[in-house]
Amino acid sequence: GALRNQARFSHARTLFVTGERAAESANRARYAVFERHRADCRDGRIRRHIDHWRPVHAWSEAAVWQILRRHGVIPPLPYQLGFGRLSCLTCVFMSADQAATLRHVDPDRFARLCEWERAFGCTIRRDRDLGTLANGGTVYGPVRRHPDLVRRALCHRWRGRVLTSPEQWVLPAGAFGESAGPV
């Protein structure tokens, strides 16, 4: 969408950088480290040269956390709250613990999703409805202990720091944790 439909990418060269790692799934292991992006149109009438680079593709999770620590990059709030992988808050691949956490942090959104399941006569998961999924999970501990972080994570605008000293850097609760999400 955005790369194809915004004029600023036409007649330009763009490098699209993402953080997929091969160890995350068998599908991601097959991704190329560097390739033409699917929105590339360098040979078309309106030239749009877009390359896709995955610089951490071969890295371990430990290596990712290590470089963030070395440069003092504060881990994103979802990792601090216990999520082991970033995806959409309402990802259809969410685990039971993620569903329980969603119900806790955003009960209105959770209720709307449950209502849509009933209205459409179809569940998000093939094997159970969202309420049943959440009932089988446990809310992440940091979510209960840090409501201030939850409020910040649900804001549409970021107002926090992104850097700290490597000495003050803290490995987030979600590191090396559950990594439910799309493959």
Protein backbone atom coordinates (compact mmCIF):
# COMPACT_ATOMS: atom_id res chain seq x y z
CA GLY A 1 0.00 0.00 0.00
CA ALA A 2 2.13 2.87 1.25
CA LEU A 3 5.15 2.13 -0.95
CA ARG A 4 3.00 1.72 -4.06
CA ASN A 5 0.61 4.60 -3.48
CA GLN A 6 2.73 7.48 -2.23
CA ALA A 7 4.29 9.69 -4.88
CA ARG A 8 7.41 10.23 -2.78
CA PHE A 9 8.50 6.67 -3.60
CA SER A 10 8.11 7.15 -7.37
CA HIS A 11 11.25 7.95 -9.35
CA ALA A 12 13.26 7.25 -6.20
CA ARG A 13 15.42 4.59 -4.61
CA THR A 14 14.17 3.22 -1.29
CA LEU A 15 15.68 0.71 1.10
CA PHE A 16 13.00 -1.12 3.13
CA VAL A 17 14.59 -2.57 6.30
CA THR A 18 12.85 -5.16 8.48
CA GLY A 19 13.87 -7.36 11.42
CA GLU A 20 12.75 -10.88 10.60
CA ARG A 21 15.10 -13.57 11.88
CA ALA A 22 15.51 -17.02 10.34
CA ALA A 23 15.20 -18.68 13.76
CA GLU A 24 11.65 -17.36 14.20
CA SER A 25 10.08 -19.90 11.85
CA ALA A 26 10.69 -22.27 8.96
CA ASN A 27 9.04 -19.78 6.61
CA ARG A 28 11.22 -16.88 7.77
CA ALA A 29 14.32 -19.06 7.40
CA ARG A 30 13.59 -19.13 3.65
CA TYR A 31 13.47 -15.33 3.33
CA ALA A 32 16.25 -13.72 1.35
CA VAL A 33 18.52 -11.35 3.27
CA PHE A 34 18.44 -8.88 0.38
CA GLU A 35 15.96 -8.82 -2.49
CA ARG A 36 13.74 -6.65 -4.62
CA HIS A 37 10.74 -5.57 -2.58
CA ARG A 38 7.37 -6.78 -3.90
CA ALA A 39 6.39 -3.13 -4.49
CA ASP A 40 9.48 -2.57 -6.65
CA CYS A 41 8.78 -1.29 -10.14
CA ARG A 42 12.22 -0.17 -11.30
CA ASP A 43 11.53 -1.28 -14.86
CA GLY A 44 8.03 0.19 -15.06
CA ARG A 45 6.63 3.39 -16.55
CA ILE A 46 6.83 5.11 -13.16
CA ARG A 47 10.13 3.88 -11.83
CA ARG A 48 10.05 2.87 -8.21
CA HIS A 49 13.27 1.19 -7.08
CA ILE A 50 12.72 -0.55 -3.72
CA ASP A 51 15.07 -3.06 -2.18
CA HIS A 52 14.26 -5.10 0.94
CA TRP A 53 17.01 -5.80 3.47
CA ARG A 54 16.81 -8.02 6.55
CA PRO A 55 20.06 -7.21 8.36
CA VAL A 56 19.45 -9.44 11.42
CA HIS A 57 18.13 -12.45 9.50
CA ALA A 58 20.96 -14.76 10.61
CA TRP A 59 21.19 -13.38 14.16
CA SER A 60 20.16 -15.20 17.31
CA GLU A 61 17.71 -13.54 19.68
CA ALA A 62 20.58 -13.14 22.14
CA ALA A 63 22.58 -11.20 19.54
CA VAL A 64 19.66 -8.82 19.00
CA TRP A 65 19.33 -8.09 22.72
CA GLN A 66 23.10 -7.74 23.01
CA ILE A 67 23.35 -5.06 20.34
CA LEU A 68 20.37 -3.16 21.80
CA ARG A 69 22.15 -3.19 25.16
CA ARG A 70 25.47 -2.12 23.62
CA HIS A 71 23.84 0.93 22.03
CA GLY A 72 21.48 1.66 24.93
CA VAL A 73 18.30 1.23 22.88
CA ILE A 74 15.39 0.82 25.29
CA PRO A 75 13.35 -2.26 24.37
CA PRO A 76 9.85 -1.52 23.01
CA LEU A 77 7.10 -1.47 25.65
CA PRO A 78 5.41 -4.73 24.59
CA TYR A 79 8.66 -6.60 25.34
CA GLN A 80 8.86 -4.84 28.71
CA LEU A 81 5.29 -5.98 29.39
CA GLY A 82 6.14 -9.64 28.74
CA PHE A 83 5.39 -10.15 25.05
CA GLY A 84 8.10 -12.27 23.42
CA ARG A 85 7.40 -11.02 19.92
CA LEU A 86 5.79 -7.93 18.43
CA SER A 87 2.78 -8.30 16.21
CA CYS A 88 -0.66 -6.74 16.08
CA LEU A 89 -2.29 -6.55 19.50
CA THR A 90 -5.22 -8.57 18.13
CA CYS A 91 -3.17 -11.03 16.08
CA VAL A 92 -5.18 -14.09 15.04
CA PHE A 93 -2.16 -16.20 16.01
CA MET A 94 -2.17 -14.99 19.63
CA SER A 95 -1.55 -17.48 22.39
CA ALA A 96 -3.83 -18.07 25.37
CA ASP A 97 -1.61 -15.86 27.55
CA GLN A 98 -1.69 -13.09 24.95
CA ALA A 99 -5.50 -13.35 24.72
CA ALA A 100 -5.79 -13.14 28.52
CA THR A 101 -3.46 -10.14 28.48
CA LEU A 102 -5.46 -8.45 25.71
CA ARG A 103 -8.67 -8.96 27.69
CA HIS A 104 -6.97 -7.39 30.73
CA VAL A 105 -5.39 -4.36 29.01
CA ASP A 106 -8.14 -3.53 26.51
CA PRO A 107 -11.43 -5.09 27.64
CA ASP A 108 -13.56 -3.00 25.25
CA ARG A 109 -11.60 -4.13 22.20
CA PHE A 110 -11.64 -7.71 23.46
CA ALA A 111 -15.43 -7.56 23.93
CA ARG A 112 -15.88 -6.19 20.39
CA LEU A 113 -13.85 -9.06 18.96
CA CYS A 114 -15.93 -11.58 20.91
CA GLU A 115 -19.12 -9.90 19.68
CA TRP A 116 -17.88 -10.07 16.09
CA GLU A 117 -17.21 -13.78 16.51
CA ARG A 118 -20.83 -14.25 17.64
CA ALA A 119 -22.26 -11.94 14.94
CA PHE A 120 -20.35 -13.63 12.12
CA GLY A 121 -20.82 -17.15 13.48
CA CYS A 122 -17.11 -17.74 13.02
CA THR A 123 -14.29 -17.77 15.54
CA ILE A 124 -10.88 -16.19 15.05
CA ARG A 125 -9.27 -19.49 15.96
CA ARG A 126 -10.53 -22.67 14.35
CA ASP A 127 -10.58 -24.67 17.55
CA ARG A 128 -12.16 -22.22 20.05
CA ASP A 129 -13.62 -18.78 20.55
CA LEU A 130 -11.56 -15.90 21.88
CA GLY A 131 -13.12 -15.99 25.36
CA THR A 132 -12.27 -19.65 25.77
CA LEU A 133 -8.75 -19.00 24.54
CA ALA A 134 -8.28 -16.17 27.07
CA ASN A 135 -9.75 -18.29 29.88
CA GLY A 136 -6.95 -20.80 29.28
CA GLY A 137 -4.23 -18.17 29.64
CA THR A 138 -2.58 -16.05 32.29
CA VAL A 139 -2.10 -12.28 32.11
CA TYR A 140 1.59 -11.41 31.81
CA GLY A 141 2.95 -10.45 35.24
CA PRO A 142 4.56 -7.16 34.17
CA VAL A 143 1.17 -6.04 32.79
CA ARG A 144 -0.35 -6.37 36.26
CA ARG A 145 2.66 -4.79 37.99
CA HIS A 146 3.12 -1.84 35.61
CA PRO A 147 -0.20 -0.23 34.60
CA ASP A 148 1.76 2.91 33.71
CA LEU A 149 3.61 0.97 30.99
CA VAL A 150 0.31 -0.47 29.73
CA ARG A 151 -1.14 3.06 29.38
CA ARG A 152 1.96 4.20 27.51
CA ALA A 153 1.90 1.11 25.25
CA LEU A 154 -1.73 1.76 24.29
CA CYS A 155 -1.12 5.43 23.42
CA HIS A 156 -1.10 6.38 19.76
CA ARG A 157 1.87 8.72 20.26
CA TRP A 158 5.21 7.85 21.75
CA ARG A 159 6.41 10.31 24.38
CA GLY A 160 9.19 8.37 26.03
CA ARG A 161 12.92 8.07 25.71
CA VAL A 162 14.40 5.60 23.27
CA LEU A 163 17.97 5.57 24.59
CA THR A 164 19.60 4.93 27.93
CA SER A 165 23.13 4.12 29.00
CA PRO A 166 24.25 0.54 28.43
CA GLU A 167 24.85 0.33 32.20
CA GLN A 168 21.19 1.16 32.96
CA TRP A 169 19.76 -1.01 30.18
CA VAL A 170 17.46 -3.80 31.40
CA LEU A 171 16.65 -7.03 29.57
CA PRO A 172 12.85 -6.94 29.13
CA ALA A 173 10.49 -9.51 30.61
CA GLY A 174 9.50 -10.74 27.14
CA ALA A 175 13.07 -11.59 26.07
CA PHE A 176 13.46 -15.27 25.21
CA GLY A 177 9.77 -15.74 25.91
CA GLU A 178 6.72 -16.95 24.08
CA SER A 179 6.89 -15.95 20.45
CA ALA A 180 3.38 -16.64 19.20
CA GLY A 181 2.54 -14.78 16.03
CA PRO A 182 2.50 -15.15 12.28
CA VAL A 183 4.98 -17.51 10.72
